[in-house]
C-alpha atoms as a PDB file:
ATOM      1  CA  MET A   1     -36.012  73.802 -41.374  1.00  0.00           C
ATOM      2  CA  TYR A   2     -39.458  72.765 -40.111  1.00  0.00           C
ATOM      3  CA  THR A   3     -38.924  74.281 -36.638  1.00  0.00           C
ATOM      4  CA  ARG A   4     -37.601  77.502 -38.171  1.00  0.00           C
ATOM      5  CA  LEU A   5     -40.677  77.746 -40.427  1.00  0.00           C
ATOM      6  CA  SER A   6     -43.110  77.025 -37.589  1.00  0.00           C
ATOM      7  CA  ARG A   7     -41.324  79.610 -35.412  1.00  0.00           C
ATOM      8  CA  HIS A   8     -41.721  82.221 -38.169  1.00  0.00           C
ATOM      9  CA  ILE A   9     -45.392  81.350 -38.588  1.00  0.00           C
ATOM     10  CA  SER A  10     -45.960  81.632 -34.825  1.00  0.00           C
ATOM     11  CA  LEU A  11     -44.278  85.042 -34.723  1.00  0.00           C
ATOM     12  CA  PHE A  12     -46.329  86.167 -37.708  1.00  0.00           C
ATOM     13  CA  LEU A  13     -49.579  85.108 -36.037  1.00  0.00           C
ATOM     14  CA  LEU A  14     -48.601  86.893 -32.817  1.00  0.00           C
ATOM     15  CA  LEU A  15     -47.836  90.038 -34.802  1.00  0.00           C
ATOM     16  CA  ILE A  16     -51.235  89.880 -36.529  1.00  0.00           C
ATOM     17  CA  ALA A  17     -52.979  89.444 -33.163  1.00  0.00           C
ATOM     18  CA  ALA A  18     -51.106  92.420 -31.689  1.00  0.00           C
ATOM     19  CA  VAL A  19     -51.783  94.681 -34.670  1.00  0.00           C
ATOM     20  CA  SER A  20     -55.457  93.749 -34.908  1.00  0.00           C
ATOM     21  CA  GLY A  21     -56.029  94.616 -31.235  1.00  0.00           C
ATOM     22  CA  ALA A  22     -57.084  91.087 -30.318  1.00  0.00           C
ATOM     23  CA  THR A  23     -58.884  90.937 -26.999  1.00  0.00           C
ATOM     24  CA  ALA A  24     -59.673  88.204 -24.526  1.00  0.00           C
ATOM     25  CA  GLN A  25     -62.095  85.491 -25.531  1.00  0.00           C
ATOM     26  CA  THR A  26     -65.577  85.897 -24.095  1.00  0.00           C
ATOM     27  CA  ILE A  27     -68.660  83.712 -24.008  1.00  0.00           C
ATOM     28  CA  ARG A  28     -72.296  84.365 -23.264  1.00  0.00           C
ATOM     29  CA  VAL A  29     -74.012  82.781 -20.264  1.00  0.00           C
ATOM     30  CA  SER A  30     -77.753  82.837 -19.716  1.00  0.00           C
ATOM     31  CA  ASN A  31     -78.850  85.500 -17.279  1.00  0.00           C
ATOM     32  CA  GLY A  32     -82.532  84.459 -17.215  1.00  0.00           C
ATOM     33  CA  ILE A  33     -85.631  85.947 -18.788  1.00  0.00           C
ATOM     34  CA  SER A  34     -86.288  89.686 -18.964  1.00  0.00           C
ATOM     35  CA  SER A  35     -89.596  91.261 -17.902  1.00  0.00           C
ATOM     36  CA  ASP A  36     -90.708  91.318 -21.544  1.00  0.00           C
ATOM     37  CA  GLY A  37     -90.088  87.573 -21.942  1.00  0.00           C
ATOM     38  CA  ARG A  38     -86.790  87.677 -23.840  1.00  0.00           C
ATOM     39  CA  ARG A  39     -83.804  85.571 -22.787  1.00  0.00           C
ATOM     40  CA  CYS A  40     -80.965  87.720 -21.419  1.00  0.00           C
ATOM     41  CA  TYR A  41     -77.279  86.897 -21.701  1.00  0.00           C
ATOM     42  CA  ARG A  42     -74.171  88.120 -19.949  1.00  0.00           C
ATOM     43  CA  GLU A  43     -70.673  88.295 -21.429  1.00  0.00           C
ATOM     44  CA  VAL A  44     -67.966  86.639 -19.317  1.00  0.00           C
ATOM     45  CA  PHE A  45     -64.314  85.935 -20.011  1.00  0.00           C
ATOM     46  CA  GLU A  46     -62.940  82.466 -20.644  1.00  0.00           C
ATOM     47  CA  TYR A  47     -60.527  81.216 -17.972  1.00  0.00           C
ATOM     48  CA  ASP A  48     -57.548  80.842 -20.312  1.00  0.00           C
ATOM     49  CA  TYR A  49     -57.857  84.355 -21.739  1.00  0.00           C
ATOM     50  CA  VAL A  50     -57.480  86.549 -18.662  1.00  0.00           C
ATOM     51  CA  THR A  51     -54.260  88.035 -17.309  1.00  0.00           C
ATOM     52  CA  ASP A  52     -54.775  86.739 -13.750  1.00  0.00           C
ATOM     53  CA  LYS A  53     -56.980  83.682 -13.394  1.00  0.00           C
ATOM     54  CA  PRO A  54     -59.545  83.563 -10.577  1.00  0.00           C
ATOM     55  CA  SER A  55     -58.455  81.465  -7.610  1.00  0.00           C
ATOM     56  CA  PHE A  56     -60.106  79.772  -4.668  1.00  0.00           C
ATOM     57  CA  PRO A  57     -58.823  81.122  -1.315  1.00  0.00           C
ATOM     58  CA  GLY A  58     -55.748  79.018  -0.567  1.00  0.00           C
ATOM     59  CA  GLY A  59     -55.498  77.560  -4.075  1.00  0.00           C
ATOM     60  CA  ASP A  60     -56.702  74.421  -5.844  1.00  0.00           C
ATOM     61  CA  GLY A  61     -55.698  72.151  -2.965  1.00  0.00           C
ATOM     62  CA  GLU A  62     -57.995  74.063  -0.617  1.00  0.00           C
ATOM     63  CA  LEU A  63     -60.797  73.844  -3.203  1.00  0.00           C
ATOM     64  CA  VAL A  64     -60.436  70.049  -3.310  1.00  0.00           C
ATOM     65  CA  THR A  65     -60.483  69.965   0.502  1.00  0.00           C
ATOM     66  CA  PHE A  66     -63.571  72.191   0.552  1.00  0.00           C
ATOM     67  CA  ILE A  67     -65.412  69.924  -1.896  1.00  0.00           C
ATOM     68  CA  ASN A  68     -64.422  66.751  -0.035  1.00  0.00           C
ATOM     69  CA  THR A  69     -65.536  68.270   3.280  1.00  0.00           C
ATOM     70  CA  HIS A  70     -68.924  69.528   2.071  1.00  0.00           C
ATOM     71  CA  ARG A  71     -69.869  66.846  -0.477  1.00  0.00           C
ATOM     72  CA  THR A  72     -72.420  64.256   0.634  1.00  0.00           C
ATOM     73  CA  TYR A  73     -72.743  61.133  -1.494  1.00  0.00           C
ATOM     74  CA  PRO A  74     -76.469  60.654  -2.219  1.00  0.00           C
ATOM     75  CA  GLY A  75     -77.510  57.449  -0.408  1.00  0.00           C
ATOM     76  CA  GLU A  76     -79.439  55.766  -3.193  1.00  0.00           C
ATOM     77  CA  ALA A  77     -76.716  56.474  -5.765  1.00  0.00           C
ATOM     78  CA  TYR A  78     -74.133  55.078  -3.352  1.00  0.00           C
ATOM     79  CA  ARG A  79     -76.140  51.888  -2.791  1.00  0.00           C
ATOM     80  CA  ARG A  80     -76.551  51.415  -6.549  1.00  0.00           C
ATOM     81  CA  GLY A  81     -72.810  51.934  -7.089  1.00  0.00           C
ATOM     82  CA  VAL A  82     -73.197  55.045  -9.250  1.00  0.00           C
ATOM     83  CA  GLU A  83     -69.811  56.759  -9.595  1.00  0.00           C
ATOM     84  CA  GLY A  84     -68.211  59.406 -11.760  1.00  0.00           C
ATOM     85  CA  ARG A  85     -67.207  63.020 -12.145  1.00  0.00           C
ATOM     86  CA  VAL A  86     -69.774  65.776 -12.510  1.00  0.00           C
ATOM     87  CA  THR A  87     -68.201  68.536 -14.593  1.00  0.00           C
ATOM     88  CA  CYS A  88     -69.682  71.961 -13.927  1.00  0.00           C
ATOM     89  CA  SER A  89     -69.111  75.479 -15.115  1.00  0.00           C
ATOM     90  CA  PHE A  90     -69.638  78.563 -12.996  1.00  0.00           C
ATOM     91  CA  VAL A  91     -68.830  82.246 -13.148  1.00  0.00           C
ATOM     92  CA  VAL A  92     -66.501  83.936 -10.683  1.00  0.00           C
ATOM     93  CA  ASN A  93     -67.821  87.491 -10.751  1.00  0.00           C
ATOM     94  CA  ALA A  94     -65.693  90.638 -10.535  1.00  0.00           C
ATOM     95  CA  ASP A  95     -66.449  90.806  -6.793  1.00  0.00           C
ATOM     96  CA  GLY A  96     -65.349  87.157  -6.289  1.00  0.00           C
ATOM     97  CA  SER A  97     -68.846  85.768  -5.785  1.00  0.00           C
ATOM     98  CA  VAL A  98     -69.842  82.585  -7.627  1.00  0.00           C
ATOM     99  CA  SER A  99     -72.911  82.396  -9.888  1.00  0.00           C
ATOM    100  CA  HIS A 100     -74.326  80.686 -12.981  1.00  0.00           C
ATOM    101  CA  ILE A 101     -73.498  77.145 -11.801  1.00  0.00           C
ATOM    102  CA  LYS A 102     -74.356  74.645 -14.514  1.00  0.00           C
ATOM    103  CA  VAL A 103     -73.671  70.961 -15.153  1.00  0.00           C
ATOM    104  CA  ILE A 104     -71.742  70.498 -18.396  1.00  0.00           C
ATOM    105  CA  LYS A 105     -71.269  66.735 -18.184  1.00  0.00           C
ATOM    106  CA  GLY A 106     -73.351  64.936 -15.611  1.00  0.00           C
ATOM    107  CA  VAL A 107     -73.438  61.438 -14.211  1.00  0.00           C
ATOM    108  CA  GLU A 108     -76.877  60.999 -12.642  1.00  0.00           C
ATOM    109  CA  THR A 109     -79.461  63.510 -11.384  1.00  0.00           C
ATOM    110  CA  THR A 110     -78.766  63.162  -7.654  1.00  0.00           C
ATOM    111  CA  LEU A 111     -74.995  63.405  -8.166  1.00  0.00           C
ATOM    112  CA  ASN A 112     -75.427  66.373 -10.509  1.00  0.00           C
ATOM    113  CA  ASN A 113     -77.597  68.192  -7.951  1.00  0.00           C
ATOM    114  CA  GLU A 114     -75.124  67.463  -5.146  1.00  0.00           C
ATOM    115  CA  ALA A 115     -72.216  68.827  -7.200  1.00  0.00           C
ATOM    116  CA  MET A 116     -74.124  72.054  -7.885  1.00  0.00           C
ATOM    117  CA  ARG A 117     -75.113  72.325  -4.202  1.00  0.00           C
ATOM    118  CA  VAL A 118     -71.501  72.029  -3.036  1.00  0.00           C
ATOM    119  CA  LEU A 119     -70.244  74.555  -5.582  1.00  0.00           C
ATOM    120  CA  ALA A 120     -72.967  76.992  -4.489  1.00  0.00           C
ATOM    121  CA  LEU A 121     -71.574  76.825  -0.932  1.00  0.00           C
ATOM    122  CA  MET A 122     -68.118  78.053  -1.980  1.00  0.00           C
ATOM    123  CA  PRO A 123     -66.851  81.254  -0.384  1.00  0.00           C
ATOM    124  CA  SER A 124     -65.855  84.200  -2.553  1.00  0.00           C
ATOM    125  CA  TRP A 125     -62.867  83.640  -4.820  1.00  0.00           C
ATOM    126  CA  VAL A 126     -60.067  86.011  -5.674  1.00  0.00           C
ATOM    127  CA  PRO A 127     -61.503  87.397  -8.935  1.00  0.00           C
ATOM    128  CA  GLY A 128     -59.837  87.102 -12.316  1.00  0.00           C
ATOM    129  CA  ARG A 129     -58.260  90.193 -13.809  1.00  0.00           C
ATOM    130  CA  LEU A 130     -57.724  91.481 -17.286  1.00  0.00           C
ATOM    131  CA  GLY A 131     -55.326  94.401 -17.591  1.00  0.00           C
ATOM    132  CA  GLY A 132     -55.481  94.927 -13.821  1.00  0.00           C
ATOM    133  CA  GLN A 133     -59.281  95.201 -13.748  1.00  0.00           C
ATOM    134  CA  PRO A 134     -61.416  92.496 -12.055  1.00  0.00           C
ATOM    135  CA  VAL A 135     -63.654  90.773 -14.607  1.00  0.00           C
ATOM    136  CA  PRO A 136     -66.205  87.931 -14.518  1.00  0.00           C
ATOM    137  CA  VAL A 137     -64.588  84.635 -15.596  1.00  0.00           C
ATOM    138  CA  ARG A 138     -66.103  81.247 -16.416  1.00  0.00           C
ATOM    139  CA  VAL A 139     -64.430  78.375 -14.556  1.00  0.00           C
ATOM    140  CA  ILE A 140     -64.858  74.651 -15.244  1.00  0.00           C
ATOM    141  CA  TRP A 141     -64.368  72.208 -12.360  1.00  0.00           C
ATOM    142  CA  SER A 142     -65.241  68.550 -11.744  1.00  0.00           C
ATOM    143  CA  VAL A 143     -66.694  67.132  -8.556  1.00  0.00           C
ATOM    144  CA  PRO A 144     -65.771  63.442  -8.175  1.00  0.00           C
ATOM    145  CA  PHE A 145     -67.988  60.765  -6.661  1.00  0.00           C
ATOM    146  CA  ARG A 146     -66.199  57.487  -5.895  1.00  0.00           C
ATOM    147  CA  LYS A 147     -67.137  54.706  -3.496  1.00  0.00           C
END
């Protein structure tokens, strides 16, 4: 009975979403300050709400290899035994370029800066698509630092 009811509720919610013309979830990312001093924002799509998700050339395994190859453990942090994962967000633009790199959950300043540096070195991604059209998509990825 419970599974039948939850199945009916799920179908009902899907029907409402289809009828209401629900679109992909977007967020606003800061695009800097305009010439008149106002903060500007840019709408980007959330990773889970696009038809085709953006991908690093060669896939996630190649992304991990890229990070491990280009990451340099900051010396002082290494000596002090500072470890952890720096979680960052960035935007994969419609042309595949990466921008708007930001630390969401940091560990320590030197590790945070190193994570952002490595992510800024990434080559162009295969862009995300929504309905066949390339769109900017926000991606969240962690850069690990372990001794």
